[in-house]
Amino acid sequence: MEKGKGIMGSGRRWAVHFSDNSTAPSSRDIPDPPGFARASVDQDDSTVSRQKKDAESNWKSQKAWEVAQAPFKNLLMMGFMMWMAGNTVHLFSIGITFSALWQPISALQGVGKVFEPYKDNKVDLLGPKLLFIALNLGGLALGVWKGFK
């Protein structure tokens, strides 16, 4: 290969010149297949995008309810741990009581951050937020009950 000449200018048989498209038919010269209409493709795209948005809204709503129900599992676990700790005052029962009080308080302070990923115009977050708050208040009540017991 001579200096200064690239692959395209080397004159090899396998080189492809993309600038010469006079032999290739354009897409407008090729007729559409039977049963295909370009207008229906545009309508299908808008329908598909609407369905995707609806599916995303449904997914966000479902996940918001799952996040709202998560403190219930923590409530059951904390109740079992309090029962296992017993009524005596020792380091383990003090730690369990402190944890039972601290977890709901910190969760209630971050309600907005917890549900931020699920915020959407089509998703109503009032119900999941109220359930989340109620379950955390129940956990706080369980901790207060254990603290005074």
Protein backbone atom coordinates (compact mmCIF):
# COMPACT_ATOMS: atom_id res chain seq x y z
CA MET A 1 0.00 0.00 0.00
CA GLU A 2 1.36 3.38 -0.89
CA LYS A 3 1.87 6.02 1.73
CA GLY A 4 -0.98 8.47 2.11
CA LYS A 5 -3.61 6.24 0.51
CA GLY A 6 -6.25 4.67 2.71
CA ILE A 7 -8.14 1.46 2.19
CA MET A 8 -10.77 3.13 0.06
CA GLY A 9 -8.24 4.59 -2.32
CA SER A 10 -6.17 1.44 -2.65
CA GLY A 11 -8.23 0.05 -5.54
CA ARG A 12 -8.84 -3.34 -3.97
CA ARG A 13 -11.79 -5.38 -5.17
CA TRP A 14 -13.28 -5.89 -1.73
CA ALA A 15 -13.45 -2.19 -0.84
CA VAL A 16 -16.94 -0.76 -0.52
CA HIS A 17 -17.69 2.80 -1.50
CA PHE A 18 -20.76 3.98 0.38
CA SER A 19 -21.03 7.24 -1.48
CA ASP A 20 -22.20 5.52 -4.68
CA ASN A 21 -25.85 4.59 -4.13
CA SER A 22 -27.13 4.99 -7.66
CA THR A 23 -27.72 1.25 -8.09
CA ALA A 24 -29.50 0.71 -4.76
CA PRO A 25 -33.25 1.35 -4.78
CA SER A 26 -34.48 3.86 -2.24
CA SER A 27 -37.03 2.86 0.38
CA ARG A 28 -39.68 4.97 -1.38
CA ASP A 29 -39.31 2.92 -4.58
CA ILE A 30 -40.17 -0.32 -2.81
CA PRO A 31 -43.93 -0.77 -2.34
CA ASP A 32 -45.33 -1.66 1.06
CA PRO A 33 -46.25 -5.32 1.56
CA PRO A 34 -49.95 -6.27 1.40
CA GLY A 35 -51.82 -5.41 4.60
CA PHE A 36 -49.23 -2.88 5.79
CA ALA A 37 -50.19 0.75 6.20
CA ARG A 38 -47.77 3.39 7.46
CA ALA A 39 -50.53 5.30 9.28
CA SER A 40 -51.33 2.26 11.44
CA VAL A 41 -47.69 2.10 12.57
CA ASP A 42 -47.91 5.65 13.92
CA GLN A 43 -51.14 4.83 15.76
CA ASP A 44 -49.66 1.63 17.18
CA ASP A 45 -46.66 3.57 18.50
CA SER A 46 -48.91 5.96 20.43
CA THR A 47 -50.97 3.05 21.76
CA VAL A 48 -47.84 1.19 22.82
CA SER A 49 -46.40 4.25 24.57
CA ARG A 50 -49.69 4.79 26.41
CA GLN A 51 -49.74 1.12 27.45
CA LYS A 52 -46.15 1.39 28.67
CA LYS A 53 -47.02 4.45 30.76
CA ASP A 54 -50.05 2.66 32.21
CA ALA A 55 -47.97 -0.42 33.00
CA GLU A 56 -45.32 1.74 34.66
CA SER A 57 -47.98 3.50 36.75
CA ASN A 58 -49.45 0.15 37.81
CA TRP A 59 -45.99 -1.12 38.71
CA LYS A 60 -45.25 2.01 40.77
CA SER A 61 -48.57 1.68 42.59
CA GLN A 62 -47.95 -1.99 43.36
CA LYS A 63 -44.43 -1.29 44.64
CA ALA A 64 -45.70 1.60 46.77
CA TRP A 65 -48.17 -0.75 48.47
CA GLU A 66 -45.41 -3.32 49.03
CA VAL A 67 -43.21 -0.66 50.66
CA ALA A 68 -46.17 0.45 52.79
CA GLN A 69 -46.72 -3.09 54.07
CA ALA A 70 -43.04 -3.69 54.89
CA PRO A 71 -43.26 -2.36 58.51
CA PHE A 72 -45.74 -5.15 59.28
CA LYS A 73 -42.97 -7.74 58.93
CA ASN A 74 -40.76 -5.63 61.16
CA LEU A 75 -43.60 -5.35 63.67
CA LEU A 76 -43.97 -9.12 63.91
CA MET A 77 -40.21 -9.63 64.24
CA MET A 78 -39.90 -6.96 66.92
CA GLY A 79 -42.83 -8.43 68.86
CA PHE A 80 -41.21 -11.87 68.79
CA MET A 81 -37.87 -10.44 69.93
CA MET A 82 -39.57 -8.59 72.79
CA TRP A 83 -41.32 -11.76 73.85
CA MET A 84 -38.00 -13.64 73.78
CA ALA A 85 -36.30 -10.89 75.82
CA GLY A 86 -38.73 -11.39 78.68
CA ASN A 87 -39.62 -8.96 81.46
CA THR A 88 -36.25 -8.73 83.18
CA VAL A 89 -34.02 -5.68 82.84
CA HIS A 90 -30.76 -6.55 81.18
CA LEU A 91 -28.70 -5.34 78.27
CA PHE A 92 -30.54 -7.38 75.62
CA SER A 93 -34.03 -6.19 76.64
CA ILE A 94 -32.84 -2.57 76.83
CA GLY A 95 -31.37 -2.84 73.32
CA ILE A 96 -34.58 -4.41 71.97
CA THR A 97 -36.69 -1.67 73.55
CA PHE A 98 -34.44 1.08 72.19
CA SER A 99 -34.56 -0.51 68.73
CA ALA A 100 -38.35 -0.85 68.93
CA LEU A 101 -38.60 2.87 69.65
CA TRP A 102 -35.92 4.12 67.25
CA GLN A 103 -36.87 2.23 64.07
CA PRO A 104 -40.45 3.58 63.78
CA ILE A 105 -39.36 7.12 64.65
CA SER A 106 -36.68 7.14 61.96
CA ALA A 107 -39.09 5.56 59.47
CA LEU A 108 -41.74 8.20 60.19
CA GLN A 109 -39.19 10.97 59.64
CA GLY A 110 -38.36 9.61 56.18
CA VAL A 111 -41.83 8.92 54.76
CA GLY A 112 -41.29 11.37 51.91
CA LYS A 113 -37.98 9.81 50.90
CA VAL A 114 -39.36 6.29 51.08
CA PHE A 115 -42.13 7.01 48.58
CA GLU A 116 -40.17 9.42 46.36
CA PRO A 117 -39.33 6.79 43.66
CA TYR A 118 -43.03 5.99 43.22
CA LYS A 119 -44.22 9.58 42.79
CA ASP A 120 -46.24 9.98 39.60
CA ASN A 121 -49.28 11.94 38.44
CA LYS A 122 -51.25 8.73 37.90
CA VAL A 123 -50.23 7.04 41.18
CA ASP A 124 -52.14 7.91 44.35
CA LEU A 125 -49.71 7.60 47.26
CA LEU A 126 -52.05 8.73 50.04
CA GLY A 127 -53.25 5.21 50.90
CA PRO A 128 -49.79 3.61 51.00
CA LYS A 129 -48.41 6.52 53.04
CA LEU A 130 -51.24 6.28 55.57
CA LEU A 131 -50.74 2.52 55.92
CA PHE A 132 -46.97 3.03 56.32
CA ILE A 133 -47.55 5.64 59.02
CA ALA A 134 -50.14 3.50 60.83
CA LEU A 135 -47.90 0.43 60.90
CA ASN A 136 -44.96 2.46 62.16
CA LEU A 137 -47.15 4.04 64.86
CA GLY A 138 -48.14 0.49 65.84
CA GLY A 139 -44.47 -0.41 66.11
CA LEU A 140 -43.85 2.69 68.21
CA ALA A 141 -46.76 1.75 70.47
CA LEU A 142 -45.27 -1.74 70.86
CA GLY A 143 -41.94 -0.19 71.89
CA VAL A 144 -43.60 2.17 74.37
CA TRP A 145 -45.57 -0.74 75.84
CA LYS A 146 -42.36 -2.76 76.26
CA GLY A 147 -40.58 0.26 77.78
CA PHE A 148 -43.21 0.72 80.48
CA LYS A 149 -43.73 -2.96 81.14
